[in-house]
Protein backbone atom coordinates (compact mmCIF):
# COMPACT_ATOMS: atom_id res chain seq x y z
CA MET A 1 164.14 5.20 89.51
CA ARG A 2 165.94 2.60 87.20
CA VAL A 3 166.14 3.05 83.59
CA GLU A 4 168.24 2.51 80.44
CA ALA A 5 170.59 5.71 80.39
CA ARG A 6 169.85 6.22 76.64
CA ARG A 7 166.27 6.09 77.34
CA ALA A 8 166.95 9.05 80.33
CA ARG A 9 169.28 11.21 78.39
CA SER A 10 165.98 11.21 75.33
CA LEU A 11 163.62 11.95 78.10
CA LEU A 12 165.31 14.76 79.99
CA ARG A 13 166.46 16.59 76.37
CA ARG A 14 162.85 16.01 75.65
CA HIS A 15 161.93 17.57 78.53
CA GLY A 16 164.17 20.52 78.50
CA PHE A 17 166.68 19.47 80.64
CA ARG A 18 170.06 20.70 80.40
CA VAL A 19 173.57 19.09 81.67
CA SER A 20 174.76 21.45 84.06
CA ARG A 21 177.75 18.71 85.31
CA PRO A 22 178.97 16.73 82.15
CA ARG A 23 179.56 13.27 83.17
CA VAL A 24 181.93 11.95 85.23
CA PHE A 25 183.61 9.14 86.49
CA GLU A 26 183.20 8.56 90.50
CA SER A 27 185.12 6.26 92.87
CA ASN A 28 183.52 6.13 96.90
CA ILE A 29 184.76 4.64 99.89
CA VAL A 30 182.20 4.03 102.61
CA TYR A 31 183.93 4.22 106.14
CA ASP A 32 182.45 2.77 109.17
CA THR A 33 183.74 1.65 112.59
CA PRO A 34 184.54 -2.24 112.80
CA ASP A 35 180.97 -3.19 114.74
CA ARG A 36 179.32 -0.96 112.03
CA ALA A 37 178.13 1.47 114.28
CA LEU A 38 177.53 4.09 111.73
CA ARG A 39 175.45 1.47 109.64
CA ARG A 40 173.23 1.01 112.81
CA ARG A 41 172.57 4.13 113.47
CA GLY A 42 171.54 4.36 109.49
CA CYS A 43 174.51 7.15 109.15
CA LEU A 44 177.10 7.20 106.40
CA LEU A 45 180.73 8.61 105.79
CA ARG A 46 181.94 8.64 102.87
CA LEU A 47 185.08 9.66 100.56
CA ARG A 48 184.55 10.50 96.60
CA ARG A 49 186.63 11.46 94.44
CA ALA A 50 185.10 12.68 91.09
CA GLY A 51 187.28 13.60 88.85
CA ALA A 52 189.25 16.03 90.22
CA ARG A 53 186.68 17.49 92.88
CA ILE A 54 187.35 15.28 96.16
CA THR A 55 184.67 15.34 98.54
CA VAL A 56 184.06 14.00 102.25
CA THR A 57 180.59 13.34 103.60
CA PHE A 58 178.52 12.96 106.51
CA LYS A 59 175.01 11.79 106.09
CA GLY A 60 172.60 11.42 108.93
CA PRO A 61 169.92 9.05 109.29
CA ALA A 62 166.88 9.16 106.90
CA THR A 63 163.64 9.80 107.09
CA SER A 64 162.52 7.43 104.33
CA LEU A 65 158.71 7.38 103.25
CA LYS A 66 157.81 8.20 99.65
CA HIS A 67 160.66 10.49 99.62
CA LYS A 68 164.16 10.09 101.19
CA SER A 69 166.03 13.08 103.26
CA ARG A 70 168.56 13.35 105.68
CA GLU A 71 171.14 15.61 107.51
CA GLU A 72 174.03 16.33 104.96
CA LEU A 73 177.42 17.53 105.66
CA GLU A 74 179.60 18.02 102.80
CA SER A 75 182.97 19.53 102.10
CA ARG A 76 185.57 19.22 99.80
CA VAL A 77 189.21 18.20 100.37
CA PRO A 78 192.69 18.60 99.21
CA SER A 79 193.77 15.05 98.78
CA PHE A 80 191.99 11.73 98.67
CA GLU A 81 194.82 9.73 99.85
CA LEU A 82 195.47 11.68 103.03
CA PHE A 83 191.85 12.11 103.74
CA ASP A 84 191.48 8.23 103.51
CA ARG A 85 194.16 7.66 105.78
CA ILE A 86 192.90 10.35 108.26
CA ILE A 87 189.78 8.65 108.33
CA GLN A 88 191.05 5.26 109.22
CA ALA A 89 193.66 6.58 111.54
CA ILE A 90 190.80 7.73 113.81
CA GLY A 91 189.07 4.23 114.19
CA PHE A 92 187.04 4.16 110.66
CA GLU A 93 187.63 1.38 108.26
CA PRO A 94 186.32 0.98 104.53
CA ALA A 95 183.05 -1.12 104.48
CA PHE A 96 182.17 -0.48 100.97
CA ARG A 97 183.34 0.89 97.72
CA TYR A 98 181.47 1.92 94.87
CA GLU A 99 181.97 3.63 91.75
CA LYS A 100 179.61 5.19 88.98
CA PHE A 101 179.37 7.46 86.41
CA ARG A 102 176.97 10.81 86.94
CA THR A 103 175.83 13.18 84.82
CA GLU A 104 174.11 16.29 86.35
CA TYR A 105 171.00 17.84 84.92
CA SER A 106 168.82 20.80 85.53
CA PRO A 107 165.53 22.01 84.19
CA SER A 108 164.91 25.34 81.50
CA ARG A 109 163.58 27.05 84.93
CA GLY A 110 162.52 26.00 88.54
CA THR A 111 165.21 24.43 91.18
CA GLY A 112 166.00 21.11 91.66
CA THR A 113 168.41 18.44 90.15
CA VAL A 114 168.24 15.65 88.28
CA THR A 115 171.06 13.08 88.04
CA LEU A 116 171.83 10.33 85.86
CA ASP A 117 174.19 7.64 87.28
CA VAL A 118 175.38 4.74 85.22
CA THR A 119 176.52 2.01 87.66
CA PRO A 120 177.98 -1.83 87.39
CA ILE A 121 174.01 -3.26 88.55
CA GLY A 122 172.20 -0.64 86.10
CA ASP A 123 171.50 2.86 85.42
CA PHE A 124 169.18 5.22 87.74
CA LEU A 125 167.85 8.49 87.71
CA GLU A 126 167.99 10.47 90.97
CA VAL A 127 165.70 13.26 91.10
CA GLU A 128 166.59 15.75 94.26
CA GLY A 129 164.29 18.64 95.15
CA LYS A 130 161.24 19.39 97.19
CA PRO A 131 158.72 16.50 97.58
CA GLU A 132 156.41 18.47 95.26
CA TRP A 133 158.73 18.65 92.48
CA ILE A 134 160.25 15.07 92.69
CA ASP A 135 156.28 13.90 92.11
CA ARG A 136 156.00 16.32 89.16
CA ILE A 137 159.14 15.91 87.54
CA ALA A 138 158.85 12.13 87.89
CA THR A 139 155.31 12.07 86.34
CA MET A 140 156.40 14.35 83.61
CA LEU A 141 158.92 11.93 82.83
CA GLY A 142 156.55 8.76 82.78
CA PHE A 143 157.56 7.44 86.68
CA GLN A 144 154.95 6.45 89.08
CA GLU A 145 155.67 6.50 93.04
CA GLY A 146 156.31 2.93 92.49
CA ASP A 147 159.48 3.14 90.72
CA TYR A 148 160.79 5.60 93.24
CA ILE A 149 163.97 3.85 95.37
CA THR A 150 165.08 5.43 98.66
CA ALA A 151 167.63 2.12 99.10
CA SER A 152 170.93 3.35 99.04
CA TYR A 153 173.51 1.97 96.30
CA ALA A 154 175.07 -0.72 98.92
CA SER A 155 171.46 -2.11 99.74
CA LEU A 156 170.89 -2.33 95.62
CA TYR A 157 174.15 -4.07 95.40
CA MET A 158 173.57 -6.38 98.39
CA GLU A 159 169.90 -7.52 96.44
CA HIS A 160 171.65 -7.59 93.51
CA CYS A 161 173.99 -9.88 94.69
CA ARG A 162 171.80 -12.10 96.55
CA GLY A 163 170.00 -12.09 93.21
CA ALA A 164 172.90 -13.58 91.17
CA GLY A 165 173.73 -16.01 93.58
CA GLY A 166 177.13 -14.48 95.05
CA PRO A 167 178.45 -12.70 98.13
CA ALA A 168 178.38 -9.09 97.87
CA THR A 169 182.14 -7.55 97.51
CA GLU A 170 182.51 -4.31 96.26
CA MET A 171 180.19 -2.58 93.24
CA VAL A 172 183.04 -1.28 90.95
CA PHE A 173 183.71 -1.44 86.80
CA PRO A 174 184.13 -3.09 84.48
CA ALA A 175 181.90 -5.38 85.78
CA ALA A 176 179.85 -5.71 89.21
CA THR A 177 181.13 -9.47 89.78
CA CYS A 178 179.26 -10.94 93.09
CA ASP A 179 182.55 -13.78 94.05
């Protein structure tokens, strides 16, 4: 859900959410084959640096109705640079790079997570949990189903650049330029 960061923080505090993982800068590289075979299958291979934490993630095809759901395999790795070299050595290449600042919130009771992502193209709340919980939390925070976004950051960035009238490059700070 798209929301201004200050408003999101206020809403979350007002409804009893606490910061469970403080704000951290994330740098992400999405990889694919030269012919974009992963993208065509709806899959994703990503290497992420979030502070000192480095992870490699594979996401399978999404079932995207009202809620987005997909297989996600993730593991911590010891070195961003080493895994970048390994991934490229086996035939993948960087396909998209994006950055964001992420803060993770947890409810005072119950399960599920809400993250606030501050990106070069705007601020977003991501609500993760069982579908019923997602709907309940979204409603509690003042959002409707029409506010749900299931598109990836790459897709949102491409849409942003089309609207700005320029080609898409990388979604990185200090500004999301489309040139």
